[in-house]
Amino acid sequence: QINGKKVLAIFAHPDDVEMMCAGTLSLLKNAGWDNHMATMTPGDKGSAVHTREEIASIRRLEAKTAAETTGASYYCLGLEDLFVFLQ
């Protein structure tokens, strides 16, 4: 961290951050920013094959790995998938 600046990208589901702003996060990391990614849910209803617990574990690991490739840390807020609403 060169300039003391931090950025947090927060989205609903794992892979939303990567699809929407991974390039920007990579550029910011290269400019010395401290990057963080967060998802509100673990993507626990994103599979017709795996149980909710299994897919949540898989998706969290994928998100953590993706965050590491952009030099970011990853956090999951743990809300249940499909229960995040804008008001």
Protein backbone atom coordinates (compact mmCIF):
# COMPACT_ATOMS: atom_id res chain seq x y z
CA GLN A 1 0.00 0.00 0.00
CA ILE A 2 1.72 3.13 -1.25
CA ASN A 3 -0.84 5.92 -0.94
CA GLY A 4 -3.03 4.76 1.97
CA LYS A 5 -6.10 4.48 -0.28
CA LYS A 6 -8.51 1.58 0.02
CA VAL A 7 -11.30 0.34 -2.22
CA LEU A 8 -14.13 -2.09 -1.46
CA ALA A 9 -16.12 -3.65 -4.29
CA ILE A 10 -19.33 -5.15 -2.90
CA PHE A 11 -21.83 -7.12 -4.94
CA ALA A 12 -24.59 -9.65 -4.33
CA HIS A 13 -23.02 -12.90 -5.56
CA PRO A 14 -19.63 -14.53 -6.07
CA ASP A 15 -18.38 -13.78 -9.60
CA ASP A 16 -20.33 -10.48 -9.83
CA VAL A 17 -17.26 -8.54 -8.69
CA GLU A 18 -14.99 -10.27 -11.15
CA MET A 19 -17.37 -9.76 -14.08
CA MET A 20 -18.08 -6.11 -13.30
CA CYS A 21 -14.83 -4.57 -12.05
CA ALA A 22 -11.85 -6.94 -11.84
CA GLY A 23 -9.98 -4.86 -14.41
CA THR A 24 -10.50 -1.68 -12.40
CA LEU A 25 -9.40 -3.42 -9.21
CA SER A 26 -6.24 -4.67 -10.94
CA LEU A 27 -5.44 -1.15 -12.15
CA LEU A 28 -6.01 0.26 -8.67
CA LYS A 29 -3.79 -2.44 -7.14
CA ASN A 30 -1.05 -1.53 -9.60
CA ALA A 31 -1.45 2.11 -8.51
CA GLY A 32 -0.89 1.10 -4.87
CA TRP A 33 -4.44 0.82 -3.57
CA ASP A 34 -5.44 -1.71 -0.89
CA ASN A 35 -8.19 -3.78 -2.56
CA HIS A 36 -11.07 -5.65 -0.97
CA MET A 37 -13.94 -7.64 -2.51
CA ALA A 38 -17.14 -8.58 -0.70
CA THR A 39 -20.24 -10.49 -1.63
CA MET A 40 -23.50 -10.37 0.26
CA THR A 41 -24.21 -14.05 -0.38
CA PRO A 42 -22.09 -17.15 -0.93
CA GLY A 43 -24.11 -18.17 -4.01
CA ASP A 44 -25.73 -20.94 -1.98
CA LYS A 45 -28.61 -21.48 -4.44
CA GLY A 46 -26.51 -21.54 -7.58
CA SER A 47 -26.59 -25.25 -8.37
CA ALA A 48 -29.03 -27.98 -9.30
CA VAL A 49 -26.36 -30.61 -8.57
CA HIS A 50 -24.73 -29.61 -5.25
CA THR A 51 -26.32 -29.03 -1.87
CA ARG A 52 -26.54 -25.43 -0.67
CA GLU A 53 -23.59 -26.00 1.67
CA GLU A 54 -21.47 -27.62 -1.06
CA ILE A 55 -22.06 -24.91 -3.67
CA ALA A 56 -21.56 -22.15 -1.11
CA SER A 57 -18.19 -23.64 -0.19
CA ILE A 58 -17.19 -23.99 -3.85
CA ARG A 59 -18.29 -20.45 -4.72
CA ARG A 60 -16.53 -18.91 -1.69
CA LEU A 61 -13.28 -20.62 -2.67
CA GLU A 62 -13.66 -19.44 -6.27
CA ALA A 63 -14.29 -15.86 -5.09
CA LYS A 64 -11.29 -15.95 -2.74
CA THR A 65 -9.06 -17.25 -5.54
CA ALA A 66 -10.35 -14.61 -7.95
CA ALA A 67 -9.76 -11.88 -5.36
CA GLU A 68 -6.19 -13.05 -4.87
CA THR A 69 -5.51 -12.75 -8.62
CA THR A 70 -6.32 -9.02 -8.41
CA GLY A 71 -4.42 -8.59 -5.16
CA ALA A 72 -7.60 -8.21 -3.11
CA SER A 73 -8.89 -9.78 0.06
CA TYR A 74 -12.32 -11.47 -0.02
CA TYR A 75 -15.19 -11.32 2.45
CA CYS A 76 -18.63 -12.95 2.36
CA LEU A 77 -21.36 -11.32 4.42
CA GLY A 78 -23.25 -14.64 4.55
CA LEU A 79 -26.76 -13.54 3.62
CA GLU A 80 -28.98 -16.16 2.01
CA ASP A 81 -28.94 -16.13 -1.79
CA LEU A 82 -32.12 -14.76 -3.41
CA PHE A 83 -32.99 -12.75 -0.28
CA VAL A 84 -31.10 -9.56 -1.11
CA PHE A 85 -33.48 -6.81 -2.23
CA LEU A 86 -33.06 -3.16 -3.12
CA GLN A 87 -35.57 -0.77 -1.61
